Amino acid sequence: MTFYLLIAAILVCMFMSLRTLFIEQSSEKRFSIESLIWVTNLYGTILIGFALIYLLFELDNHAVFLDNGFRVEGDYISHLETSFYFSAMTMFSVGYGDVAPIGVGRTIAAVQAFIGYTLPAAFVIRTVFDFEQINRRK
């Protein structure tokens, strides 16, 4: 039961972070330090959220990825490091191939990759939309 509650809490946090894409900015600037901090925090929230999901599945004895063809062995820190590494590689690139998703990890990784690839486009669209809204008010 605790496993599902933790997964639900992580998903709620990630959803609340993603929904900020749809909240209108009140700033008169097209791009600012605040926007850069916002997008960095958004990426960080999504990356950490998915890393924790991978970690929870691994700790619950569900195989979600293989490290060089083998299950991750070792202590909690080994699982934590591999989860964060895999999450970052899935979010920002197509990966190096040393850690590969299996089972339910494939679905989770596909969702994360989709989010990782659409966030830059969403950020640009939001910036353009906010700029047009500011111009219409003038």
Protein backbone atom coordinates (compact mmCIF):
# COMPACT_ATOMS: atom_id res chain seq x y z
CA MET A 1 0.00 0.00 0.00
CA THR A 2 2.82 2.40 0.85
CA PHE A 3 4.37 1.72 -2.57
CA TYR A 4 1.24 2.94 -4.37
CA LEU A 5 0.85 5.97 -2.12
CA LEU A 6 4.44 7.03 -2.82
CA ILE A 7 3.97 6.57 -6.58
CA ALA A 8 0.74 8.61 -6.42
CA ALA A 9 2.43 11.39 -4.42
CA ILE A 10 5.30 11.58 -6.92
CA LEU A 11 2.88 11.71 -9.86
CA VAL A 12 0.86 14.49 -8.20
CA CYS A 13 4.04 16.53 -7.65
CA MET A 14 5.10 16.06 -11.28
CA PHE A 15 1.62 16.94 -12.54
CA MET A 16 1.49 20.09 -10.43
CA SER A 17 4.88 21.08 -11.81
CA LEU A 18 3.83 20.43 -15.41
CA ARG A 19 0.61 22.38 -15.03
CA THR A 20 2.65 25.55 -14.53
CA LEU A 21 3.12 25.46 -18.30
CA PHE A 22 -0.48 26.57 -18.62
CA ILE A 23 -0.45 29.39 -16.06
CA GLU A 24 -0.12 32.85 -17.59
CA GLN A 25 3.00 34.80 -16.67
CA SER A 26 2.62 38.34 -15.38
CA SER A 27 6.14 39.40 -16.36
CA GLU A 28 6.59 42.05 -19.04
CA LYS A 29 9.77 40.35 -20.31
CA ARG A 30 9.89 37.79 -23.08
CA PHE A 31 12.67 35.80 -21.47
CA SER A 32 14.16 36.37 -18.06
CA ILE A 33 16.22 34.78 -15.32
CA GLU A 34 12.94 33.83 -13.65
CA SER A 35 11.93 31.91 -16.78
CA LEU A 36 15.27 30.10 -16.83
CA ILE A 37 14.94 29.19 -13.15
CA TRP A 38 11.36 28.06 -13.75
CA VAL A 39 12.27 25.74 -16.63
CA THR A 40 15.28 24.38 -14.68
CA ASN A 41 13.03 23.60 -11.72
CA LEU A 42 10.48 21.99 -14.03
CA TYR A 43 13.11 19.73 -15.60
CA GLY A 44 14.54 18.95 -12.16
CA THR A 45 11.15 18.01 -10.76
CA ILE A 46 10.39 15.68 -13.66
CA LEU A 47 13.87 14.11 -13.60
CA ILE A 48 13.82 13.51 -9.85
CA GLY A 49 10.21 12.27 -9.95
CA PHE A 50 10.94 9.65 -12.58
CA ALA A 51 14.18 8.65 -10.84
CA LEU A 52 12.20 8.04 -7.65
CA ILE A 53 9.61 6.00 -9.57
CA TYR A 54 12.37 3.81 -11.05
CA LEU A 55 13.93 3.48 -7.61
CA LEU A 56 10.64 2.50 -5.95
CA PHE A 57 9.99 -0.18 -8.55
CA GLU A 58 13.52 -1.54 -8.18
CA LEU A 59 13.28 -1.60 -4.39
CA ASP A 60 9.93 -3.38 -4.66
CA ASN A 61 11.70 -6.13 -6.70
CA HIS A 62 10.23 -5.15 -10.06
CA ALA A 63 12.94 -5.09 -12.69
CA VAL A 64 12.71 -1.80 -14.61
CA PHE A 65 16.21 -1.58 -16.09
CA LEU A 66 19.35 -3.58 -16.69
CA ASP A 67 22.83 -2.14 -16.16
CA ASN A 68 25.12 -3.65 -18.81
CA GLY A 69 22.73 -6.58 -19.16
CA PHE A 70 22.45 -7.36 -15.45
CA ARG A 71 20.10 -6.35 -12.64
CA VAL A 72 21.52 -3.68 -10.38
CA GLU A 73 23.06 -5.38 -7.38
CA GLY A 74 24.25 -3.78 -4.22
CA ASP A 75 22.95 -1.41 -1.63
CA TYR A 76 20.42 1.39 -1.76
CA ILE A 77 23.01 3.89 -3.01
CA SER A 78 23.76 1.74 -6.09
CA HIS A 79 20.06 1.63 -6.96
CA LEU A 80 19.71 5.37 -6.32
CA GLU A 81 22.68 6.26 -8.54
CA THR A 82 21.52 4.05 -11.39
CA SER A 83 17.95 5.37 -11.13
CA PHE A 84 19.08 9.00 -11.35
CA TYR A 85 21.53 8.24 -14.15
CA PHE A 86 18.90 6.36 -16.16
CA SER A 87 16.33 9.09 -15.57
CA ALA A 88 18.74 11.80 -16.76
CA MET A 89 19.76 9.83 -19.85
CA THR A 90 16.13 9.16 -20.71
CA MET A 91 15.11 12.77 -20.13
CA PHE A 92 17.89 14.54 -22.00
CA SER A 93 19.04 12.12 -24.69
CA VAL A 94 18.47 8.75 -26.25
CA GLY A 95 20.82 7.25 -23.66
CA TYR A 96 24.22 5.64 -23.89
CA GLY A 97 22.91 2.08 -24.06
CA ASP A 98 24.60 0.90 -20.89
CA VAL A 99 21.35 0.98 -18.92
CA ALA A 100 18.31 -0.37 -20.76
CA PRO A 101 14.66 -0.45 -19.66
CA ILE A 102 12.82 -3.75 -19.32
CA GLY A 103 9.28 -4.72 -18.38
CA VAL A 104 7.21 -1.86 -16.99
CA GLY A 105 10.36 0.29 -17.17
CA ARG A 106 9.90 0.53 -20.94
CA THR A 107 6.53 2.21 -20.54
CA ILE A 108 7.77 4.53 -17.82
CA ALA A 109 10.85 5.44 -19.90
CA ALA A 110 8.70 6.09 -22.98
CA VAL A 111 6.48 8.49 -21.02
CA GLN A 112 9.53 10.24 -19.58
CA ALA A 113 11.21 10.53 -22.98
CA PHE A 114 8.01 11.99 -24.46
CA ILE A 115 7.84 14.58 -21.69
CA GLY A 116 11.56 15.34 -22.06
CA TYR A 117 11.25 15.94 -25.79
CA THR A 118 8.08 18.03 -25.62
CA LEU A 119 9.12 20.35 -22.77
CA PRO A 120 11.39 22.56 -24.92
CA ALA A 121 8.64 23.01 -27.50
CA ALA A 122 6.09 23.75 -24.79
CA PHE A 123 8.43 26.31 -23.24
CA VAL A 124 8.93 28.08 -26.59
CA ILE A 125 5.20 28.07 -27.30
CA ARG A 126 4.47 29.45 -23.85
CA THR A 127 7.07 32.21 -24.27
CA VAL A 128 5.64 33.21 -27.66
CA PHE A 129 2.09 33.11 -26.30
CA ASP A 130 3.02 35.29 -23.33
CA PHE A 131 4.81 37.74 -25.63
CA GLU A 132 1.74 38.01 -27.88
CA GLN A 133 -0.51 38.56 -24.86
CA ILE A 134 1.75 41.39 -23.67
CA ASN A 135 1.70 43.00 -27.14
CA ARG A 136 -2.09 42.82 -27.31
CA ARG A 137 -2.42 44.65 -23.99
CA LYS A 138 -0.30 47.56 -25.21
